[in-house]
Amino acid sequence: MELLAPKVGTDAALAMGIIRVLVKENLYDKAFVDKWCHGFEELKNYCESFTPERTEEITGVPAQKIIDAARMYADGPGSFSLTSQSLTHNTNGVNNARALLLIPCILGYIDVPGGVSFPLSPKGLQACGMGLQPKFYEAKWWNAKAQKDRRLDKDFVPLWHDMMIMYNPNHLPEYIDAGKIKAFCGWGFNSFIWPQPQQYQEALKKLDFAFCADYFYRKESHRDMDLILPAAMNFERHAPFGVYGSKFAPRTPVKPLSEAKEDWRIALELGCILDDPKHFFNGDPVKACNAILKEWGAEYEAAVAALPQVSSLECRKNEPKKYEKGLLRPDGQAGFNTPTGKIELFSTRCAKFGFDGLPVYKPMMEPDGRFNLRMINGARKPYITHSKTRSDAPYLLELEPCSTITMHPNDASARGLADGDRVEIFSPFGGPVKANLEVSILVPPGTIDAQYGWKGEEDTQRLVPRQWDPLSGYAPYFEVNVEVRKVGSQK
């Protein structure tokens, strides 16, 4: 097995090249496609232009490797396309992920051993987006037209708005400037998660009222909050409990320090102030957990008493091809939980909102003049978690005192740079941003990786534009072209 290593952002083209081979060599599962897939003819026609040679030109993957990969997929007995979050961090990100997922679909590797599984949650509840179950929230209220029409992301990301109960917040500055948002509450809020974070920081100043619940004080994010509520750390929280298939384990937290409270408790207590306390479990997070667990025939307190043994939940035994037995649709009919009842190679939902029904390939931002290095923004060291800034936990600065970017030796040599140099990074959208340089063959030529979570002159988010994938609203963290030069050198 060989690593294909396509160029960043060309995943949809690679997938179409592989699919073309599967179709041309009649390696796909025709019986499964005919019965359970929608849009195969459209897919077949679209992928026709992605010959191995053209796909090689786009992706950098040798044509023969593309053919070999397709045949290896087809050998089976199953395969799985893992589309990590990083694939979606560009302006065609959702389609990059969708395209790769079509490969096991046309091969029939769906809900079979070794293929793409649809695991059942306890008592047969189907897993849903972000772990939310319709029984665990007022789905009828959230999805009612009156509520949907009030959501501000309706025009920004109409497909996301239609499918998700979670609001997309990326246009926060525009909504505040237009007077559509006047108050704000943030849970673990960090303005440095956004591209051009200074725009969000400026917008927060215009709110009538804002508060945050957080572990740390982050000056740039919190300085314009009216209240900052101290949140409990993970070891101080009852919620959530861990679920592992048919097993679950509750937490036995330590007492929070000082006045800190877990975020669930803060939210529930605020609900008690604003509404009937019984609607918010009288502010008790254990009661809130039990409201979920009772759907599974379990109880928090009993599970705590059983520790260190994990507790069992009522769970239907997993079985292959659940789509044939009506186990994947809420109406109990055979098929998949889609508008057509089939796996949609051509998405009718995308087409409904004027988007391409197929996961088409679209080129990323092209290198422009001196901006000829692709920046992958979001690299992390093992001891840095998610969007934490280093000043949150100053001891991390002892491990890593400054931001570091990584560059291939060829690119470093061409720019007169050496390992350990202090450099400046520019993009068409911002800069300079400073970092230390690490030279390594682990980074492909023409690419640098950069960390985020640093502030001030080392904030790489200032290099990323506020441009969005129209399907998801994600920013192009893995798409921007940059220039890197030694600090103090001339253009």
Protein backbone atom coordinates (compact mmCIF):
# COMPACT_ATOMS: atom_id res chain seq x y z
CA MET A 1 0.00 0.00 0.00
CA GLU A 2 1.33 3.43 -0.94
CA LEU A 3 0.43 6.91 0.23
CA LEU A 4 -1.26 8.84 -2.58
CA ALA A 5 -0.57 12.27 -1.01
CA PRO A 6 -2.61 14.50 -3.33
CA LYS A 7 -1.98 18.22 -3.40
CA VAL A 8 -3.88 20.12 -0.73
CA GLY A 9 -7.50 20.75 -1.73
CA THR A 10 -7.60 18.36 -4.72
CA ASP A 11 -9.39 15.52 -2.93
CA ALA A 12 -12.58 15.85 -5.01
CA ALA A 13 -10.58 15.53 -8.22
CA LEU A 14 -8.74 12.47 -6.91
CA ALA A 15 -12.04 10.86 -5.92
CA MET A 16 -13.51 11.49 -9.37
CA GLY A 17 -10.42 10.01 -10.99
CA ILE A 18 -10.77 6.86 -8.90
CA ILE A 19 -14.52 6.65 -9.55
CA ARG A 20 -13.92 6.92 -13.30
CA VAL A 21 -11.61 3.90 -13.18
CA LEU A 22 -14.20 1.94 -11.16
CA VAL A 23 -16.87 2.77 -13.71
CA LYS A 24 -14.75 2.20 -16.82
CA GLU A 25 -13.48 -1.16 -15.57
CA ASN A 26 -16.95 -2.15 -14.32
CA LEU A 27 -15.60 -2.61 -10.79
CA TYR A 28 -18.49 -0.91 -8.97
CA ASP A 29 -21.45 -2.79 -7.44
CA LYS A 30 -24.10 -2.34 -10.12
CA ALA A 31 -26.84 -4.14 -8.19
CA PHE A 32 -26.34 -1.95 -5.10
CA VAL A 33 -26.09 1.24 -7.16
CA ASP A 34 -29.23 0.49 -9.16
CA LYS A 35 -31.33 -0.25 -6.09
CA TRP A 36 -29.93 1.99 -3.38
CA CYS A 37 -28.17 4.98 -5.01
CA HIS A 38 -29.61 8.13 -6.56
CA GLY A 39 -27.80 10.08 -9.30
CA PHE A 40 -25.38 7.52 -10.67
CA GLU A 41 -25.79 8.63 -14.29
CA GLU A 42 -25.00 12.23 -13.35
CA LEU A 43 -21.91 11.06 -11.46
CA LYS A 44 -20.83 8.82 -14.34
CA ASN A 45 -21.09 11.69 -16.81
CA TYR A 46 -19.26 14.15 -14.57
CA CYS A 47 -16.30 11.91 -13.78
CA GLU A 48 -15.76 11.10 -17.49
CA SER A 49 -13.33 14.03 -17.90
CA PHE A 50 -11.19 12.94 -14.92
CA THR A 51 -8.91 10.61 -16.84
CA PRO A 52 -5.93 9.27 -14.89
CA GLU A 53 -3.69 11.67 -16.81
CA ARG A 54 -5.83 14.75 -16.11
CA THR A 55 -6.29 13.71 -12.48
CA GLU A 56 -2.51 13.43 -12.17
CA GLU A 57 -2.12 16.99 -13.50
CA ILE A 58 -4.55 18.29 -10.89
CA THR A 59 -3.57 16.23 -7.86
CA GLY A 60 0.08 15.36 -8.42
CA VAL A 61 -0.74 11.67 -7.89
CA PRO A 62 0.77 9.51 -10.69
CA ALA A 63 -1.84 8.16 -13.10
CA GLN A 64 -0.87 4.54 -12.49
CA LYS A 65 -1.24 5.00 -8.73
CA ILE A 66 -4.78 6.31 -9.29
CA ILE A 67 -5.62 3.19 -11.30
CA ASP A 68 -4.00 0.93 -8.72
CA ALA A 69 -5.85 2.65 -5.88
CA ALA A 70 -9.20 2.14 -7.62
CA ARG A 71 -8.52 -1.55 -8.14
CA MET A 72 -7.37 -1.93 -4.54
CA TYR A 73 -10.61 -0.32 -3.34
CA ALA A 74 -12.60 -2.73 -5.49
CA ASP A 75 -10.75 -5.82 -4.21
CA GLY A 76 -12.60 -5.40 -0.93
CA PRO A 77 -14.10 -7.04 0.96
CA GLY A 78 -14.74 -3.54 2.24
CA SER A 79 -13.29 -0.07 2.50
CA PHE A 80 -13.90 3.14 4.37
CA SER A 81 -13.21 6.76 3.49
CA LEU A 82 -12.29 8.70 6.62
CA THR A 83 -12.91 12.34 5.84
CA SER A 84 -11.17 14.20 8.64
CA GLN A 85 -12.13 17.72 9.60
CA SER A 86 -9.07 19.11 7.84
CA LEU A 87 -10.58 18.25 4.45
CA THR A 88 -13.38 20.73 5.00
CA HIS A 89 -11.18 23.71 5.86
CA ASN A 90 -11.28 25.36 2.46
CA THR A 91 -13.88 26.98 0.24
CA ASN A 92 -14.78 23.65 -1.44
CA GLY A 93 -14.29 21.58 1.68
CA VAL A 94 -17.66 19.86 1.95
CA ASN A 95 -17.46 18.69 -1.65
CA ASN A 96 -13.94 17.35 -1.08
CA ALA A 97 -15.30 15.19 1.72
CA ARG A 98 -18.48 14.20 -0.14
CA ALA A 99 -16.51 13.09 -3.19
CA LEU A 100 -14.33 10.70 -1.19
CA LEU A 101 -17.39 9.23 0.51
CA LEU A 102 -18.91 8.29 -2.84
CA ILE A 103 -16.19 5.68 -3.44
CA PRO A 104 -17.41 3.12 -0.86
CA CYS A 105 -20.98 4.00 -1.84
CA ILE A 106 -20.73 2.87 -5.46
CA LEU A 107 -18.75 -0.19 -4.35
CA GLY A 108 -21.62 -1.23 -2.08
CA TYR A 109 -19.42 -1.12 1.02
CA ILE A 110 -22.27 0.33 3.06
CA ASP A 111 -23.25 -1.08 6.46
CA VAL A 112 -21.24 -4.24 5.89
CA PRO A 113 -18.19 -5.58 7.77
CA GLY A 114 -15.13 -3.59 6.73
CA GLY A 115 -17.23 -0.86 5.16
CA VAL A 116 -19.07 2.29 6.22
CA SER A 117 -21.07 1.37 9.31
CA PHE A 118 -24.27 2.86 10.67
CA PRO A 119 -24.00 1.92 14.34
CA LEU A 120 -27.12 1.93 16.45
CA SER A 121 -27.20 3.87 19.68
CA PRO A 122 -28.77 2.44 22.84
CA LYS A 123 -32.37 1.25 22.39
CA GLY A 124 -31.96 1.54 18.64
CA LEU A 125 -31.74 5.33 18.48
CA GLN A 126 -29.80 6.32 15.38
CA ALA A 127 -26.72 8.49 15.89
CA CYS A 128 -27.32 12.05 14.70
CA GLY A 129 -25.21 15.10 13.96
CA MET A 130 -23.01 16.28 16.84
CA GLY A 131 -24.41 13.45 18.98
CA LEU A 132 -27.82 15.10 19.31
CA GLN A 133 -30.86 12.83 19.38
CA PRO A 134 -34.31 14.16 18.46
CA LYS A 135 -35.60 12.83 21.79
CA PHE A 136 -33.03 14.89 23.66
CA TYR A 137 -34.22 18.28 22.45
CA GLU A 138 -37.47 19.84 21.29
CA ALA A 139 -36.98 18.92 17.64
CA LYS A 140 -40.50 19.99 16.68
CA TRP A 141 -39.92 23.47 18.15
CA TRP A 142 -36.42 23.91 16.68
CA ASN A 143 -37.50 22.78 13.22
CA ALA A 144 -40.76 24.71 13.09
CA LYS A 145 -40.87 27.28 10.30
CA ALA A 146 -41.39 30.12 12.77
CA GLN A 147 -38.11 29.28 14.51
CA LYS A 148 -36.19 28.47 11.36
CA ASP A 149 -37.15 31.81 9.81
CA ARG A 150 -35.77 33.67 12.83
CA ARG A 151 -32.29 32.19 12.44
CA LEU A 152 -29.87 34.72 11.01
CA ASP A 153 -27.83 32.19 9.03
CA LYS A 154 -30.73 31.43 6.68
CA ASP A 155 -29.31 33.42 3.77
CA PHE A 156 -25.62 32.96 4.64
CA VAL A 157 -25.58 29.13 4.60
CA PRO A 158 -29.05 27.97 3.48
CA LEU A 159 -28.15 24.28 3.24
CA TRP A 160 -26.58 24.27 6.73
CA HIS A 161 -29.61 26.19 8.01
CA ASP A 162 -31.94 23.58 6.55
CA MET A 163 -30.09 20.56 7.92
CA MET A 164 -28.65 21.64 11.27
CA ILE A 165 -30.26 22.88 14.46
CA MET A 166 -27.01 24.68 15.31
CA TYR A 167 -26.70 28.27 14.15
CA ASN A 168 -23.63 29.20 12.08
CA PRO A 169 -22.01 32.23 13.81
CA ASN A 170 -19.34 33.23 11.27
CA HIS A 171 -21.15 36.41 10.18
CA LEU A 172 -21.29 37.67 13.77
CA PRO A 173 -19.67 41.07 12.95
CA GLU A 174 -22.17 41.73 10.16
CA TYR A 175 -25.13 40.78 12.35
CA ILE A 176 -23.95 43.01 15.19
CA ASP A 177 -23.30 45.94 12.85
CA ALA A 178 -26.81 45.56 11.41
CA GLY A 179 -28.32 45.58 14.92
CA LYS A 180 -29.59 42.01 14.54
CA ILE A 181 -27.62 40.79 17.57
CA LYS A 182 -27.52 42.97 20.67
CA ALA A 183 -26.63 40.45 23.38
CA PHE A 184 -24.17 37.58 23.47
CA CYS A 185 -23.31 34.65 25.71
CA GLY A 186 -20.18 32.63 25.12
CA TRP A 187 -19.22 29.22 26.52
CA GLY A 188 -15.47 28.74 26.32
CA PHE A 189 -15.39 31.71 23.96
CA ASN A 190 -12.19 32.47 22.07
CA SER A 191 -12.24 35.11 19.32
CA PHE A 192 -9.01 33.67 17.88
CA ILE A 193 -10.88 30.73 16.36
CA TRP A 194 -12.05 33.02 13.54
CA PRO A 195 -10.17 34.39 10.53
CA GLN A 196 -9.43 38.10 10.92
CA PRO A 197 -10.22 37.88 14.66
CA GLN A 198 -9.79 41.62 15.13
CA GLN A 199 -13.09 42.13 13.29
CA TYR A 200 -14.92 39.98 15.84
CA GLN A 201 -13.19 41.70 18.73
CA GLU A 202 -14.28 45.10 17.42
CA ALA A 203 -17.83 43.90 16.89
CA LEU A 204 -18.13 42.70 20.50
CA LYS A 205 -17.61 46.27 21.71
CA LYS A 206 -20.92 47.28 20.08
CA LEU A 207 -23.14 44.82 21.97
CA ASP A 208 -25.61 46.04 24.59
CA PHE A 209 -24.75 43.13 26.87
CA ALA A 210 -22.36 40.20 26.76
CA PHE A 211 -21.10 37.53 29.15
CA CYS A 212 -18.84 34.49 29.01
CA ALA A 213 -18.34 31.37 31.06
CA ASP A 214 -14.74 30.25 30.79
CA TYR A 215 -11.72 28.64 32.48
CA PHE A 216 -9.31 31.47 31.72
CA TYR A 217 -9.33 35.21 31.22
CA ARG A 218 -8.46 35.94 27.58
CA LYS A 219 -7.98 39.68 27.27
CA GLU A 220 -8.79 40.02 23.58
CA SER A 221 -11.91 37.86 23.87
CA HIS A 222 -13.16 38.90 27.30
CA ARG A 223 -12.24 42.54 27.81
CA ASP A 224 -15.59 43.78 26.46
CA MET A 225 -17.72 41.27 28.36
CA ASP A 226 -20.03 42.68 31.02
CA LEU A 227 -19.69 39.49 33.08
CA ILE A 228 -17.19 36.65 33.13
CA LEU A 229 -18.42 33.56 34.95
CA PRO A 230 -15.81 31.07 36.20
CA ALA A 231 -16.43 27.68 34.58
CA ALA A 232 -15.48 24.39 36.20
CA MET A 233 -12.74 22.29 34.62
CA ASN A 234 -13.43 18.81 33.20
CA PHE A 235 -12.60 17.02 36.45
CA GLU A 236 -15.12 19.27 38.24
CA ARG A 237 -18.06 18.54 35.94
CA HIS A 238 -20.89 16.01 36.18
CA ALA A 239 -21.82 16.39 32.55
CA PRO A 240 -21.49 14.83 30.14
CA PHE A 241 -21.17 11.12 30.77
CA GLY A 242 -19.29 8.84 28.39
CA VAL A 243 -21.18 6.49 26.06
CA TYR A 244 -19.36 3.62 24.37
CA GLY A 245 -21.86 1.66 22.27
CA SER A 246 -23.95 -0.26 24.76
CA LYS A 247 -21.84 0.89 27.73
CA PHE A 248 -21.74 4.18 29.59
CA ALA A 249 -19.86 5.65 32.52
CA PRO A 250 -20.78 8.69 34.61
CA ARG A 251 -18.41 11.17 36.15
CA THR A 252 -17.60 11.52 39.84
CA PRO A 253 -16.27 15.07 39.83
CA VAL A 254 -14.22 16.79 42.47
CA LYS A 255 -15.65 19.90 44.06
CA PRO A 256 -15.04 22.98 41.89
CA LEU A 257 -12.61 25.52 43.29
CA SER A 258 -13.90 28.83 44.62
CA GLU A 259 -17.06 30.04 42.83
CA ALA A 260 -16.56 28.01 39.64
CA LYS A 261 -19.55 26.07 38.30
CA GLU A 262 -19.84 23.65 35.42
CA ASP A 263 -21.24 25.21 32.27
CA TRP A 264 -24.33 22.97 32.30
CA ARG A 265 -25.20 24.22 35.78
CA ILE A 266 -24.68 27.85 34.78
CA ALA A 267 -26.96 27.42 31.75
CA LEU A 268 -29.62 25.59 33.77
CA GLU A 269 -29.60 28.17 36.56
CA LEU A 270 -29.98 30.98 34.02
CA GLY A 271 -32.92 29.08 32.56
CA CYS A 272 -34.49 28.88 36.00
CA ILE A 273 -34.29 32.66 36.30
CA LEU A 274 -35.82 33.26 32.87
CA ASP A 275 -38.49 30.55 32.91
CA ASP A 276 -40.19 27.93 35.06
CA PRO A 277 -37.38 26.13 36.95
CA LYS A 278 -38.93 22.73 36.24
CA HIS A 279 -38.19 23.28 32.54
CA PHE A 280 -34.51 23.46 33.50
CA PHE A 281 -34.34 20.60 36.00
CA ASN A 282 -34.25 23.10 38.87
CA GLY A 283 -30.69 23.92 37.91
CA ASP A 284 -29.40 20.40 38.60
CA PRO A 285 -27.11 18.91 35.90
CA VAL A 286 -27.52 15.38 37.29
CA LYS A 287 -31.27 15.64 36.72
CA ALA A 288 -30.53 16.86 33.20
CA CYS A 289 -28.30 13.83 32.62
CA ASN A 290 -31.04 11.56 33.93
CA ALA A 291 -33.51 13.08 31.47
CA ILE A 292 -31.30 11.65 28.74
CA LEU A 293 -30.44 8.38 30.45
CA LYS A 294 -34.05 7.51 31.17
CA GLU A 295 -34.57 7.19 27.41
CA TRP A 296 -32.05 4.35 27.64
CA GLY A 297 -33.47 2.77 30.77
CA ALA A 298 -30.59 3.93 32.96
CA GLU A 299 -29.98 6.22 35.94
CA TYR A 300 -26.98 8.37 36.81
CA GLU A 301 -26.89 7.60 40.52
CA ALA A 302 -27.05 3.83 39.98
CA ALA A 303 -24.21 4.04 37.46
CA VAL A 304 -22.12 6.01 39.95
CA ALA A 305 -22.72 3.34 42.58
CA ALA A 306 -21.56 0.67 40.13
CA LEU A 307 -18.20 2.29 39.45
CA PRO A 308 -15.47 1.30 38.67
CA GLN A 309 -17.56 -1.05 36.53
CA VAL A 310 -19.13 0.61 33.51
CA SER A 311 -22.88 0.25 33.17
CA SER A 312 -24.80 -1.42 30.37
CA LEU A 313 -27.56 0.10 28.28
CA GLU A 314 -30.38 -1.51 26.38
CA CYS A 315 -28.98 -1.70 22.87
CA ARG A 316 -30.11 -3.62 19.82
CA LYS A 317 -27.40 -5.91 18.50
CA ASN A 318 -25.68 -4.36 15.52
CA GLU A 319 -26.30 -6.11 12.24
CA PRO A 320 -25.29 -5.51 8.62
CA LYS A 321 -27.47 -3.93 5.93
CA LYS A 322 -29.89 -2.27 8.34
CA TYR A 323 -31.19 -0.23 5.43
CA GLU A 324 -32.91 -3.36 4.12
CA LYS A 325 -34.80 -3.80 7.40
CA GLY A 326 -36.04 -0.21 7.86
CA LEU A 327 -33.69 0.47 10.78
CA LEU A 328 -32.12 3.67 9.40
CA ARG A 329 -35.26 5.71 8.74
CA PRO A 330 -37.56 7.25 11.37
CA ASP A 331 -40.61 6.00 9.42
CA GLY A 332 -39.37 2.40 9.58
CA GLN A 333 -39.27 2.04 5.79
CA ALA A 334 -36.42 0.35 3.99
CA GLY A 335 -33.71 2.64 2.69
CA PHE A 336 -31.73 5.62 3.96
CA ASN A 337 -32.80 8.76 5.80
CA THR A 338 -32.54 11.05 2.75
CA PRO A 339 -35.19 12.85 0.66
CA THR A 340 -35.08 10.06 -1.95
CA GLY A 341 -34.67 7.22 0.53
CA LYS A 342 -31.42 6.32 -1.22
CA ILE A 343 -27.76 7.23 -0.88
CA GLU A 344 -27.65 10.49 -2.82
CA LEU A 345 -24.65 10.55 -5.12
CA PHE A 346 -26.42 13.58 -6.55
CA SER A 347 -27.73 15.53 -3.57
CA THR A 348 -31.30 16.70 -4.10
CA ARG A 349 -30.95 18.85 -1.01
CA CYS A 350 -27.95 20.72 -2.45
CA ALA A 351 -29.76 21.20 -5.75
CA LYS A 352 -32.82 22.52 -3.91
CA PHE A 353 -30.75 25.48 -2.69
CA GLY A 354 -29.07 26.13 -6.02
CA PHE A 355 -25.80 24.29 -5.33
CA ASP A 356 -24.19 21.58 -7.41
CA GLY A 357 -25.89 18.28 -6.71
CA LEU A 358 -22.60 16.46 -7.33
CA PRO A 359 -19.47 17.02 -5.22
CA VAL A 360 -17.67 18.94 -7.95
CA TYR A 361 -13.97 19.75 -7.92
CA LYS A 362 -13.08 23.44 -7.69
CA PRO A 363 -9.49 24.70 -7.66
CA MET A 364 -8.21 26.43 -4.55
CA MET A 365 -6.77 29.95 -4.47
CA GLU A 366 -3.96 30.10 -7.00
CA PRO A 367 -0.47 31.29 -5.98
CA ASP A 368 -0.18 34.96 -6.86
CA GLY A 369 3.12 36.71 -7.43
CA ARG A 370 5.23 36.48 -4.33
CA PHE A 371 2.54 34.50 -2.43
CA ASN A 372 3.58 31.06 -3.61
CA LEU A 373 3.56 28.86 -0.51
CA ARG A 374 0.37 27.12 0.59
CA MET A 375 -0.26 27.60 4.32
CA ILE A 376 -1.88 24.84 6.37
CA ASN A 377 -3.07 26.79 9.40
CA GLY A 378 -3.95 24.75 12.44
CA ALA A 379 -1.00 22.43 13.04
CA ARG A 380 -0.79 21.49 16.71
CA LYS A 381 1.70 20.01 19.08
CA PRO A 382 0.42 17.07 21.16
CA TYR A 383 0.27 19.16 24.33
CA ILE A 384 -1.74 22.02 22.78
CA THR A 385 -5.48 21.37 22.81
CA HIS A 386 -7.88 22.85 20.27
CA SER A 387 -8.14 26.67 20.37
CA LYS A 388 -6.34 27.29 23.64
CA THR A 389 -3.92 30.20 23.57
CA ARG A 390 -0.55 29.68 25.21
CA SER A 391 -1.15 32.42 27.78
CA ASP A 392 -4.12 30.40 29.09
CA ALA A 393 -1.63 27.96 30.61
CA PRO A 394 1.71 29.78 30.93
CA TYR A 395 3.61 26.58 31.74
CA LEU A 396 3.12 25.65 28.06
CA LEU A 397 5.41 28.53 27.20
CA GLU A 398 8.18 26.66 28.97
CA LEU A 399 7.71 23.83 26.45
CA GLU A 400 7.27 26.10 23.46
CA PRO A 401 8.07 29.79 23.96
CA CYS A 402 7.02 30.99 20.50
CA SER A 403 5.11 30.07 17.37
CA THR A 404 6.85 27.76 14.86
CA ILE A 405 6.22 27.11 11.18
CA THR A 406 7.60 24.14 9.24
CA MET A 407 9.02 24.37 5.69
CA HIS A 408 10.56 21.89 3.25
CA PRO A 409 14.37 22.18 2.81
CA ASN A 410 14.03 23.07 -0.88
CA ASP A 411 11.72 25.99 -0.12
CA ALA A 412 13.95 27.18 2.71
CA SER A 413 17.06 27.05 0.54
CA ALA A 414 15.37 28.98 -2.28
CA ARG A 415 14.58 31.78 0.18
CA GLY A 416 17.92 31.82 1.94
CA LEU A 417 16.37 30.54 5.16
CA ALA A 418 17.78 28.11 7.71
CA ASP A 419 16.45 26.09 10.61
CA GLY A 420 15.87 28.34 13.64
CA ASP A 421 15.52 31.60 11.69
CA ARG A 422 13.02 34.17 12.87
CA VAL A 423 10.67 34.80 9.94
CA GLU A 424 7.75 36.96 8.85
CA ILE A 425 4.70 35.60 7.03
CA PHE A 426 2.51 37.64 4.70
CA SER A 427 -0.65 36.78 2.77
CA PRO A 428 -2.78 38.92 0.43
CA PHE A 429 -5.09 39.37 3.42
CA GLY A 430 -2.73 40.33 6.23
CA GLY A 431 0.66 40.27 7.87
CA PRO A 432 3.36 40.36 8.91
CA VAL A 433 3.02 37.47 11.34
CA LYS A 434 6.19 36.32 13.07
CA ALA A 435 7.34 32.80 13.91
CA ASN A 436 10.43 30.64 14.23
CA LEU A 437 11.29 28.39 11.29
CA GLU A 438 11.73 24.63 11.47
CA VAL A 439 13.06 22.98 8.30
CA SER A 440 11.76 19.46 7.74
CA ILE A 441 11.05 16.97 4.96
CA LEU A 442 7.78 16.16 6.72
CA VAL A 443 6.22 19.13 4.94
CA PRO A 444 5.68 18.79 1.16
CA PRO A 445 7.46 21.28 -1.11
CA GLY A 446 5.41 24.38 -1.73
CA THR A 447 3.69 24.11 1.65
CA ILE A 448 4.18 25.40 5.17
CA ASP A 449 2.31 24.42 8.29
CA ALA A 450 1.50 26.98 10.95
CA GLN A 451 -0.05 26.90 14.39
CA TYR A 452 -2.95 28.92 15.62
CA GLY A 453 -3.69 29.92 19.16
CA TRP A 454 -0.88 32.46 19.34
CA LYS A 455 -1.68 36.12 19.84
CA GLY A 456 -0.29 39.52 18.93
CA GLU A 457 2.44 39.48 16.29
CA GLU A 458 2.26 35.65 16.10
CA ASP A 459 -1.48 35.40 15.33
CA THR A 460 -1.70 33.46 12.04
CA GLN A 461 -5.49 33.87 11.87
CA ARG A 462 -4.85 37.40 10.58
CA LEU A 463 -3.51 35.84 7.36
CA VAL A 464 -6.79 34.04 6.58
CA PRO A 465 -9.63 35.83 4.75
CA ARG A 466 -13.23 35.83 5.82
CA GLN A 467 -14.29 33.73 2.85
CA TRP A 468 -16.50 30.69 3.28
CA ASP A 469 -17.47 27.33 1.88
CA PRO A 470 -21.05 28.08 0.74
CA LEU A 471 -22.29 24.68 1.96
CA SER A 472 -20.92 24.82 5.51
CA GLY A 473 -19.69 28.34 6.12
CA TYR A 474 -16.19 27.02 6.99
CA ALA A 475 -13.20 29.32 6.50
CA PRO A 476 -10.24 28.51 4.17
CA TYR A 477 -7.69 27.69 6.87
CA PHE A 478 -5.91 25.26 4.53
CA GLU A 479 -6.07 27.30 1.34
CA VAL A 480 -4.26 30.60 1.72
CA ASN A 481 -1.04 31.34 -0.20
CA VAL A 482 1.69 33.15 1.72
CA GLU A 483 5.16 34.62 1.48
CA VAL A 484 7.82 33.84 4.08
CA ARG A 485 11.00 35.86 4.56
CA LYS A 486 13.58 36.35 7.26
CA VAL A 487 12.83 39.07 9.76
CA GLY A 488 14.55 42.24 8.69
CA SER A 489 15.03 41.25 5.04
CA GLN A 490 13.69 43.38 2.19
CA LYS A 491 10.95 42.44 -0.27
